[in-house]
Structures are given as structure tokens and as C-alpha cells.
N, C-alpha and C. Protein backbone atom coordinates (compact mmCIF):
# COMPACT_ATOMS: atom_id res chain seq x y z
N UNK A 1 2.15 35.52 -11.93
CA UNK A 1 3.16 34.55 -12.01
C UNK A 1 3.41 34.14 -13.40
N UNK A 2 4.55 33.96 -13.87
CA UNK A 2 4.82 33.50 -15.24
C UNK A 2 5.20 32.04 -15.13
N UNK A 3 4.67 31.18 -16.03
CA UNK A 3 4.98 29.81 -16.06
C UNK A 3 5.42 29.37 -17.47
N UNK A 4 6.56 28.71 -17.58
CA UNK A 4 7.07 28.33 -18.85
C UNK A 4 6.09 27.25 -19.45
N UNK A 5 5.82 27.29 -20.75
CA UNK A 5 5.02 26.43 -21.41
C UNK A 5 5.59 26.16 -22.85
N UNK A 6 5.47 24.94 -23.29
CA UNK A 6 5.72 24.55 -24.67
C UNK A 6 4.38 23.98 -25.21
N UNK A 7 3.99 24.53 -26.31
CA UNK A 7 2.68 24.18 -26.91
C UNK A 7 2.98 23.58 -28.26
N UNK A 8 2.91 22.25 -28.30
CA UNK A 8 3.17 21.48 -29.59
C UNK A 8 1.91 21.17 -30.31
N UNK A 9 0.78 21.80 -29.91
CA UNK A 9 -0.50 21.53 -30.55
C UNK A 9 -0.74 22.87 -31.50
N UNK A 10 -1.72 22.68 -32.42
CA UNK A 10 -2.01 23.82 -33.29
C UNK A 10 -3.05 24.71 -32.58
N UNK A 11 -3.38 24.44 -31.36
CA UNK A 11 -4.50 25.20 -30.68
C UNK A 11 -3.84 26.26 -29.75
N UNK A 12 -4.61 27.19 -29.32
CA UNK A 12 -4.04 28.27 -28.42
C UNK A 12 -3.63 27.72 -27.11
N UNK A 13 -2.68 28.26 -26.46
CA UNK A 13 -2.19 27.91 -25.15
C UNK A 13 -3.39 28.12 -24.13
N UNK A 14 -3.47 27.48 -23.07
CA UNK A 14 -4.48 27.74 -22.08
C UNK A 14 -4.55 29.19 -21.67
N UNK A 15 -5.82 29.62 -21.52
CA UNK A 15 -6.01 31.05 -21.13
C UNK A 15 -7.32 31.12 -20.33
N UNK A 16 -7.39 32.13 -19.50
CA UNK A 16 -8.56 32.35 -18.67
C UNK A 16 -9.70 32.99 -19.57
N UNK A 17 -10.93 32.34 -19.43
CA UNK A 17 -12.02 32.79 -20.30
C UNK A 17 -12.51 34.15 -19.86
N UNK A 18 -12.52 34.43 -18.56
CA UNK A 18 -12.99 35.73 -18.01
C UNK A 18 -11.98 36.23 -16.99
N UNK A 19 -12.12 37.42 -16.55
CA UNK A 19 -11.17 38.08 -15.63
C UNK A 19 -11.24 37.37 -14.30
N UNK A 20 -12.31 36.71 -13.90
CA UNK A 20 -12.40 36.03 -12.65
C UNK A 20 -12.32 34.50 -12.75
N UNK A 21 -12.07 33.96 -13.88
CA UNK A 21 -11.92 32.54 -14.03
C UNK A 21 -10.79 31.94 -13.19
N UNK A 22 -10.95 30.84 -12.57
CA UNK A 22 -9.93 30.18 -11.79
C UNK A 22 -9.13 29.22 -12.67
N UNK A 23 -9.74 28.65 -13.62
CA UNK A 23 -9.17 27.60 -14.45
C UNK A 23 -9.07 28.01 -15.91
N UNK A 24 -8.10 27.38 -16.58
CA UNK A 24 -7.86 27.62 -18.00
C UNK A 24 -8.20 26.26 -18.71
N UNK A 25 -8.90 26.44 -19.84
CA UNK A 25 -9.29 25.27 -20.59
C UNK A 25 -8.11 24.60 -21.28
N UNK A 26 -8.12 23.24 -21.25
CA UNK A 26 -7.22 22.45 -21.97
C UNK A 26 -7.90 21.78 -23.18
N UNK A 27 -7.25 21.63 -24.34
CA UNK A 27 -7.84 21.16 -25.56
C UNK A 27 -7.21 19.71 -25.91
N UNK A 28 -8.05 18.97 -26.55
CA UNK A 28 -7.58 17.62 -26.94
C UNK A 28 -6.71 17.71 -28.20
N UNK A 29 -5.45 17.31 -28.15
CA UNK A 29 -4.56 17.33 -29.26
C UNK A 29 -4.50 15.88 -29.77
N UNK A 30 -5.55 15.60 -30.54
CA UNK A 30 -5.69 14.26 -31.24
C UNK A 30 -5.90 14.41 -32.73
N UNK A 31 -5.52 13.46 -33.44
CA UNK A 31 -5.51 13.52 -34.90
C UNK A 31 -6.91 13.27 -35.55
N UNK A 32 -7.84 12.72 -34.77
CA UNK A 32 -9.12 12.39 -35.26
C UNK A 32 -10.18 12.27 -34.09
N UNK A 33 -11.43 12.18 -34.39
CA UNK A 33 -12.38 12.08 -33.32
C UNK A 33 -12.18 10.86 -32.54
N UNK A 34 -12.23 11.01 -31.20
CA UNK A 34 -12.05 9.92 -30.26
C UNK A 34 -13.47 9.53 -29.74
N UNK A 35 -13.85 8.30 -29.78
CA UNK A 35 -15.12 7.81 -29.22
C UNK A 35 -14.82 6.99 -27.93
N UNK A 36 -15.49 7.45 -26.88
CA UNK A 36 -15.47 6.66 -25.60
C UNK A 36 -16.68 5.99 -25.39
N UNK A 37 -16.69 4.71 -25.30
CA UNK A 37 -17.87 3.88 -24.99
C UNK A 37 -18.29 4.10 -23.53
N UNK A 38 -19.49 3.71 -23.17
CA UNK A 38 -19.93 3.82 -21.71
C UNK A 38 -18.92 3.18 -20.86
N UNK A 39 -18.62 3.87 -19.85
CA UNK A 39 -17.50 3.46 -18.76
C UNK A 39 -16.09 3.23 -19.33
N UNK A 40 -15.86 3.66 -20.55
CA UNK A 40 -14.50 3.53 -21.13
C UNK A 40 -13.75 4.81 -20.73
N UNK A 41 -12.44 4.59 -20.46
CA UNK A 41 -11.56 5.70 -20.19
C UNK A 41 -10.52 5.82 -21.27
N UNK A 42 -9.99 7.03 -21.45
CA UNK A 42 -9.00 7.31 -22.41
C UNK A 42 -8.00 8.38 -21.94
N UNK A 43 -6.77 8.25 -22.24
CA UNK A 43 -5.75 9.18 -21.90
C UNK A 43 -5.63 10.10 -23.13
N UNK A 44 -5.95 11.43 -22.99
CA UNK A 44 -6.00 12.31 -24.05
C UNK A 44 -4.95 13.29 -23.99
N UNK A 45 -4.02 13.41 -24.96
CA UNK A 45 -2.89 14.31 -24.91
C UNK A 45 -3.34 15.71 -25.20
N UNK A 46 -2.65 16.72 -24.74
CA UNK A 46 -2.95 18.15 -25.00
C UNK A 46 -1.89 18.81 -25.83
N UNK A 47 -0.70 18.22 -25.99
CA UNK A 47 0.34 18.80 -26.76
C UNK A 47 1.04 19.95 -25.88
N UNK A 48 0.73 19.97 -24.59
CA UNK A 48 1.35 20.94 -23.78
C UNK A 48 2.35 20.38 -22.74
N UNK A 49 3.42 21.17 -22.56
CA UNK A 49 4.50 20.76 -21.55
C UNK A 49 4.66 22.02 -20.70
N UNK A 50 4.66 21.90 -19.38
CA UNK A 50 4.73 23.05 -18.54
C UNK A 50 5.77 22.93 -17.45
N UNK A 51 6.30 23.95 -16.94
CA UNK A 51 7.23 24.00 -15.81
C UNK A 51 6.64 24.76 -14.69
N UNK A 52 5.94 24.00 -13.82
CA UNK A 52 5.32 24.50 -12.71
C UNK A 52 6.32 24.83 -11.63
N UNK A 53 6.31 26.05 -11.04
CA UNK A 53 7.29 26.47 -10.00
C UNK A 53 7.12 25.68 -8.73
N UNK A 54 8.25 25.52 -8.05
CA UNK A 54 8.23 24.81 -6.72
C UNK A 54 7.25 25.46 -5.79
N UNK A 55 6.53 24.64 -5.04
CA UNK A 55 5.52 25.19 -4.12
C UNK A 55 4.11 25.28 -4.72
N UNK A 56 4.00 24.90 -6.06
CA UNK A 56 2.79 24.94 -6.78
C UNK A 56 2.49 23.61 -7.48
N UNK A 57 1.30 23.37 -7.88
CA UNK A 57 0.95 22.27 -8.67
C UNK A 57 -0.13 22.81 -9.66
N UNK A 58 -0.30 22.06 -10.71
CA UNK A 58 -1.36 22.31 -11.68
C UNK A 58 -2.48 21.24 -11.41
N UNK A 59 -3.65 21.59 -11.18
CA UNK A 59 -4.73 20.65 -10.93
C UNK A 59 -5.55 20.54 -12.17
N UNK A 60 -5.81 19.40 -12.61
CA UNK A 60 -6.61 19.03 -13.82
C UNK A 60 -8.05 18.73 -13.33
N UNK A 61 -8.99 19.40 -13.85
CA UNK A 61 -10.45 19.33 -13.24
C UNK A 61 -11.37 19.09 -14.45
N UNK A 62 -12.54 18.53 -14.20
CA UNK A 62 -13.43 18.37 -15.23
C UNK A 62 -14.12 19.73 -15.70
N UNK A 63 -14.60 19.71 -16.96
CA UNK A 63 -15.41 20.87 -17.41
C UNK A 63 -16.83 20.50 -17.21
N UNK A 64 -17.60 21.45 -16.57
CA UNK A 64 -18.98 21.11 -16.35
C UNK A 64 -19.83 20.98 -17.50
N UNK A 65 -19.59 21.67 -18.60
CA UNK A 65 -20.28 21.58 -19.82
C UNK A 65 -20.09 20.21 -20.52
N UNK A 66 -18.91 19.76 -20.49
CA UNK A 66 -18.54 18.45 -21.07
C UNK A 66 -19.34 17.33 -20.26
N UNK A 67 -19.30 17.48 -18.94
CA UNK A 67 -19.94 16.49 -18.06
C UNK A 67 -21.48 16.51 -18.32
N UNK A 68 -22.08 17.70 -18.38
CA UNK A 68 -23.52 17.79 -18.50
C UNK A 68 -24.04 17.41 -19.88
N UNK A 69 -23.32 17.71 -20.91
CA UNK A 69 -23.70 17.47 -22.31
C UNK A 69 -23.40 16.05 -22.68
N UNK A 70 -22.23 15.53 -22.35
CA UNK A 70 -21.85 14.20 -22.86
C UNK A 70 -21.54 13.13 -21.85
N UNK A 71 -21.56 13.53 -20.53
CA UNK A 71 -21.29 12.58 -19.54
C UNK A 71 -19.84 12.23 -19.40
N UNK A 72 -18.97 13.08 -19.81
CA UNK A 72 -17.54 12.80 -19.83
C UNK A 72 -16.91 13.66 -18.73
N UNK A 73 -16.06 13.03 -17.85
CA UNK A 73 -15.48 13.73 -16.80
C UNK A 73 -13.95 13.28 -16.64
N UNK A 74 -13.24 13.89 -15.74
CA UNK A 74 -11.88 13.62 -15.45
C UNK A 74 -11.91 12.48 -14.40
N UNK A 75 -11.25 11.29 -14.68
CA UNK A 75 -11.35 10.20 -13.88
C UNK A 75 -10.66 10.35 -12.52
N UNK A 76 -9.46 10.89 -12.56
CA UNK A 76 -8.70 11.02 -11.25
C UNK A 76 -8.80 12.50 -10.85
N UNK A 77 -10.03 12.99 -10.62
CA UNK A 77 -10.20 14.45 -10.43
C UNK A 77 -10.04 14.77 -8.89
N UNK A 78 -9.27 15.81 -8.67
CA UNK A 78 -8.46 16.48 -9.67
C UNK A 78 -7.13 15.77 -9.89
N UNK A 79 -6.65 15.71 -11.10
CA UNK A 79 -5.34 15.23 -11.41
C UNK A 79 -4.28 16.21 -11.00
N UNK A 80 -3.05 15.79 -10.63
CA UNK A 80 -2.05 16.76 -10.20
C UNK A 80 -0.89 16.70 -11.09
N UNK A 81 -0.34 17.86 -11.58
CA UNK A 81 0.88 17.95 -12.22
C UNK A 81 1.89 18.60 -11.25
N UNK A 82 2.88 17.80 -10.86
CA UNK A 82 3.85 18.27 -9.86
C UNK A 82 4.85 19.18 -10.53
N UNK A 83 5.61 19.93 -9.64
CA UNK A 83 6.56 20.93 -10.13
C UNK A 83 7.72 20.22 -10.86
N UNK A 84 7.99 19.03 -10.60
CA UNK A 84 9.17 18.38 -11.29
C UNK A 84 8.78 17.53 -12.50
N UNK A 85 7.53 17.53 -12.93
CA UNK A 85 7.11 16.82 -14.12
C UNK A 85 7.38 17.60 -15.32
N UNK A 86 7.92 16.97 -16.34
CA UNK A 86 8.24 17.68 -17.58
C UNK A 86 7.67 17.02 -18.79
N UNK A 87 6.85 16.04 -18.64
CA UNK A 87 6.29 15.28 -19.78
C UNK A 87 5.05 16.04 -20.30
N UNK A 88 4.45 15.48 -21.29
CA UNK A 88 3.16 16.07 -21.84
C UNK A 88 2.09 16.05 -20.86
N UNK A 89 1.27 17.07 -20.83
CA UNK A 89 0.09 17.12 -20.03
C UNK A 89 -0.98 16.33 -20.72
N UNK A 90 -1.39 15.18 -20.08
CA UNK A 90 -2.51 14.41 -20.66
C UNK A 90 -3.66 14.43 -19.67
N UNK A 91 -4.86 14.14 -20.17
CA UNK A 91 -5.99 14.16 -19.38
C UNK A 91 -6.64 12.79 -19.37
N UNK A 92 -6.97 12.23 -18.18
CA UNK A 92 -7.58 10.83 -18.15
C UNK A 92 -9.05 11.13 -18.09
N UNK A 93 -9.71 10.87 -19.24
CA UNK A 93 -11.18 11.08 -19.33
C UNK A 93 -11.97 9.82 -19.23
N UNK A 94 -13.21 9.83 -18.70
CA UNK A 94 -14.06 8.69 -18.69
C UNK A 94 -15.45 9.02 -19.05
N UNK A 95 -16.13 8.21 -19.75
CA UNK A 95 -17.53 8.40 -20.17
C UNK A 95 -18.39 7.72 -19.19
N UNK A 96 -19.02 8.40 -18.36
CA UNK A 96 -20.01 7.87 -17.33
C UNK A 96 -21.43 7.85 -17.75
N UNK A 97 -21.64 8.15 -19.02
CA UNK A 97 -23.03 8.13 -19.53
C UNK A 97 -23.39 6.63 -20.05
N UNK A 98 -24.64 6.49 -20.50
CA UNK A 98 -25.01 5.15 -21.00
C UNK A 98 -24.85 5.12 -22.50
N UNK A 99 -24.33 6.11 -23.20
CA UNK A 99 -24.21 6.23 -24.53
C UNK A 99 -22.72 6.50 -24.93
N UNK A 100 -22.27 6.09 -26.18
CA UNK A 100 -20.98 6.43 -26.63
C UNK A 100 -20.93 8.00 -26.74
N UNK A 101 -19.65 8.50 -26.48
CA UNK A 101 -19.43 9.97 -26.51
C UNK A 101 -18.25 10.23 -27.27
N UNK A 102 -18.22 11.40 -28.02
CA UNK A 102 -17.05 11.72 -28.78
C UNK A 102 -16.30 12.93 -28.35
N UNK A 103 -15.02 12.94 -28.60
CA UNK A 103 -14.16 14.06 -28.36
C UNK A 103 -13.66 14.54 -29.68
N UNK A 104 -13.74 15.80 -30.11
CA UNK A 104 -13.22 16.21 -31.33
C UNK A 104 -11.87 16.81 -31.12
N UNK A 105 -11.04 16.75 -32.24
CA UNK A 105 -9.72 17.41 -32.11
C UNK A 105 -9.97 18.87 -31.78
N UNK A 106 -9.16 19.32 -30.80
CA UNK A 106 -9.32 20.77 -30.37
C UNK A 106 -10.34 21.05 -29.42
N UNK A 107 -11.16 20.10 -29.07
CA UNK A 107 -12.30 20.37 -28.15
C UNK A 107 -11.68 20.57 -26.74
N UNK A 108 -12.39 21.44 -26.01
CA UNK A 108 -11.98 21.73 -24.60
C UNK A 108 -12.47 20.53 -23.76
N UNK A 109 -11.43 19.96 -23.11
CA UNK A 109 -11.73 18.72 -22.36
C UNK A 109 -11.62 18.75 -20.90
N UNK A 110 -10.90 19.83 -20.34
CA UNK A 110 -10.66 19.87 -18.95
C UNK A 110 -10.26 21.29 -18.62
N UNK A 111 -10.12 21.55 -17.32
CA UNK A 111 -9.55 22.82 -16.86
C UNK A 111 -8.32 22.66 -16.03
N UNK A 112 -7.40 23.53 -16.15
CA UNK A 112 -6.22 23.56 -15.34
C UNK A 112 -6.23 24.67 -14.30
N UNK A 113 -5.98 24.44 -13.08
CA UNK A 113 -5.95 25.39 -12.03
C UNK A 113 -4.55 25.32 -11.41
N UNK A 114 -3.76 26.33 -11.37
CA UNK A 114 -2.56 26.42 -10.77
C UNK A 114 -2.70 26.87 -9.34
N UNK A 115 -2.28 26.12 -8.37
CA UNK A 115 -2.52 26.39 -7.00
C UNK A 115 -1.26 26.07 -6.10
N UNK A 116 -1.09 26.89 -5.05
CA UNK A 116 0.01 26.62 -4.06
C UNK A 116 -0.38 25.45 -3.20
N UNK A 117 0.75 24.93 -2.60
CA UNK A 117 0.53 23.84 -1.68
C UNK A 117 1.61 23.92 -0.65
N UNK A 118 1.39 23.20 0.49
CA UNK A 118 2.34 23.21 1.56
C UNK A 118 2.88 21.80 1.71
N UNK A 119 4.09 21.70 2.16
CA UNK A 119 4.67 20.37 2.55
C UNK A 119 4.73 20.32 4.05
N UNK A 120 4.51 19.22 4.59
CA UNK A 120 4.46 18.99 6.01
C UNK A 120 5.39 18.07 6.56
N UNK A 121 5.66 18.18 7.77
CA UNK A 121 6.46 17.18 8.50
C UNK A 121 5.50 16.60 9.66
N UNK A 122 5.40 15.32 9.74
CA UNK A 122 4.51 14.65 10.74
C UNK A 122 5.12 14.75 12.07
N UNK A 123 4.27 15.08 13.06
CA UNK A 123 4.64 15.05 14.43
C UNK A 123 3.82 13.93 15.15
N UNK A 124 4.46 12.85 15.41
CA UNK A 124 3.73 11.62 15.92
C UNK A 124 3.44 11.89 17.45
N UNK A 125 2.17 11.77 17.73
CA UNK A 125 1.67 12.00 19.14
C UNK A 125 0.84 10.81 19.56
N UNK A 126 0.40 10.75 20.79
CA UNK A 126 -0.46 9.75 21.33
C UNK A 126 -1.90 10.11 21.24
N UNK A 127 -2.25 11.43 21.24
CA UNK A 127 -3.61 11.81 21.01
C UNK A 127 -3.72 13.17 20.35
N UNK A 128 -4.91 13.44 19.81
CA UNK A 128 -5.10 14.74 19.08
C UNK A 128 -5.94 15.69 19.88
N UNK A 129 -5.86 17.00 19.67
CA UNK A 129 -6.56 17.99 20.33
C UNK A 129 -8.14 17.73 20.17
N UNK A 130 -8.86 17.73 21.25
CA UNK A 130 -10.30 17.55 21.15
C UNK A 130 -11.04 18.71 20.45
N UNK A 131 -12.09 18.39 19.67
CA UNK A 131 -12.93 19.42 19.01
C UNK A 131 -14.38 19.09 19.20
N UNK A 132 -15.22 20.08 18.91
CA UNK A 132 -16.71 19.83 19.04
C UNK A 132 -17.16 18.66 18.19
N UNK A 133 -16.63 18.52 16.96
CA UNK A 133 -17.02 17.50 15.99
C UNK A 133 -16.44 16.14 16.38
N UNK A 134 -15.23 16.14 16.93
CA UNK A 134 -14.70 14.85 17.35
C UNK A 134 -14.43 13.95 16.19
N UNK A 135 -14.92 12.69 16.37
CA UNK A 135 -14.66 11.60 15.33
C UNK A 135 -15.84 11.56 14.36
N UNK A 136 -16.78 12.52 14.41
CA UNK A 136 -17.87 12.43 13.53
C UNK A 136 -17.51 12.55 12.04
N UNK A 137 -17.87 11.66 11.27
CA UNK A 137 -17.48 11.54 9.82
C UNK A 137 -18.57 12.03 8.88
N UNK A 138 -18.70 11.24 7.79
CA UNK A 138 -19.63 11.60 6.77
C UNK A 138 -21.04 11.99 7.22
N UNK A 139 -21.56 13.11 6.99
CA UNK A 139 -22.88 13.51 7.33
C UNK A 139 -22.99 13.92 8.84
N UNK A 140 -21.95 13.97 9.59
CA UNK A 140 -22.04 14.26 10.94
C UNK A 140 -22.36 15.70 11.32
N UNK A 141 -22.21 16.60 10.35
CA UNK A 141 -22.50 18.02 10.64
C UNK A 141 -23.85 18.35 10.18
N UNK A 142 -24.70 17.41 9.74
CA UNK A 142 -26.09 17.72 9.37
C UNK A 142 -26.29 17.77 7.88
N UNK A 143 -27.58 17.97 7.48
CA UNK A 143 -27.84 18.02 6.11
C UNK A 143 -27.96 19.39 5.58
N UNK A 144 -28.01 20.38 6.32
CA UNK A 144 -28.21 21.79 5.87
C UNK A 144 -26.98 22.61 6.01
């Protein structure tokens, strides 16, 4: 699938790191180092603008390396870029570590996964079809 992209950053457009990668890395398009204090959040621009096709979304997900090394993750994970959004792709990062953490210009800050989705129409009923699980919620299927 081809997706239109405008890249206003000096960094490469998102690309798959390996032939089996699901996500493409997004880079921070910032003029200088950004420091996030513990529990501080920041909206980080990427310089990217995309035209996602109808029936698809772009999901913004954390990078495991950034989370494990610096304690930085995507706050609204996964973030969603809808097919009708034409603004700059920005990433809402949060520092969940106990120490200040920095983001360098051009640093890989998140992953973007393009995925299909369905639209539904609700059918209001008085009861739902019974299942073995029933109303069992969190932890109801066991620990293993």
C-alpha cells in the first residue's frame, strides 16, 4: 500500500528496520535537546504529515529501547492518527522514571503501525449470547 507523506524534517521518512518489522520509527523534529522531568509529559513534533487511506489508522506506539533505557513512553498508547487528519504527526511522551530524561534532535521516539479497522453499527438487544467465560473480568481466565 502506498501512503502519501510530507516530510518537513531533515531526517529520513519512517521505514521498516527489518523485513518483518510491524512498525516504523518516528524521530523527534526538535531544534535542541528536550529534557523531561520525572512524570513530565511533552508533545514532540516529527515534521511528518500523512494521508492515511480510509479504513486504516496509524497507531503510535512506544519504543521498547527508549522505555527500558530512559523510562520514556507514549502516554496515550497507542495514539491514533485517523484517515481524515492532515496535521503534523506529534508524539505525546512521558517520563515515568525517577530521573530527568533527554530526547535528542532526530532521536527515534516512537513507532508507527498502519492498521486496518472496521466501523460498526450497534444493534441494541435485551441480552447477549451466553459464553463459557460469561461476565468474568480481569484475571478470570487464570494466571497461566
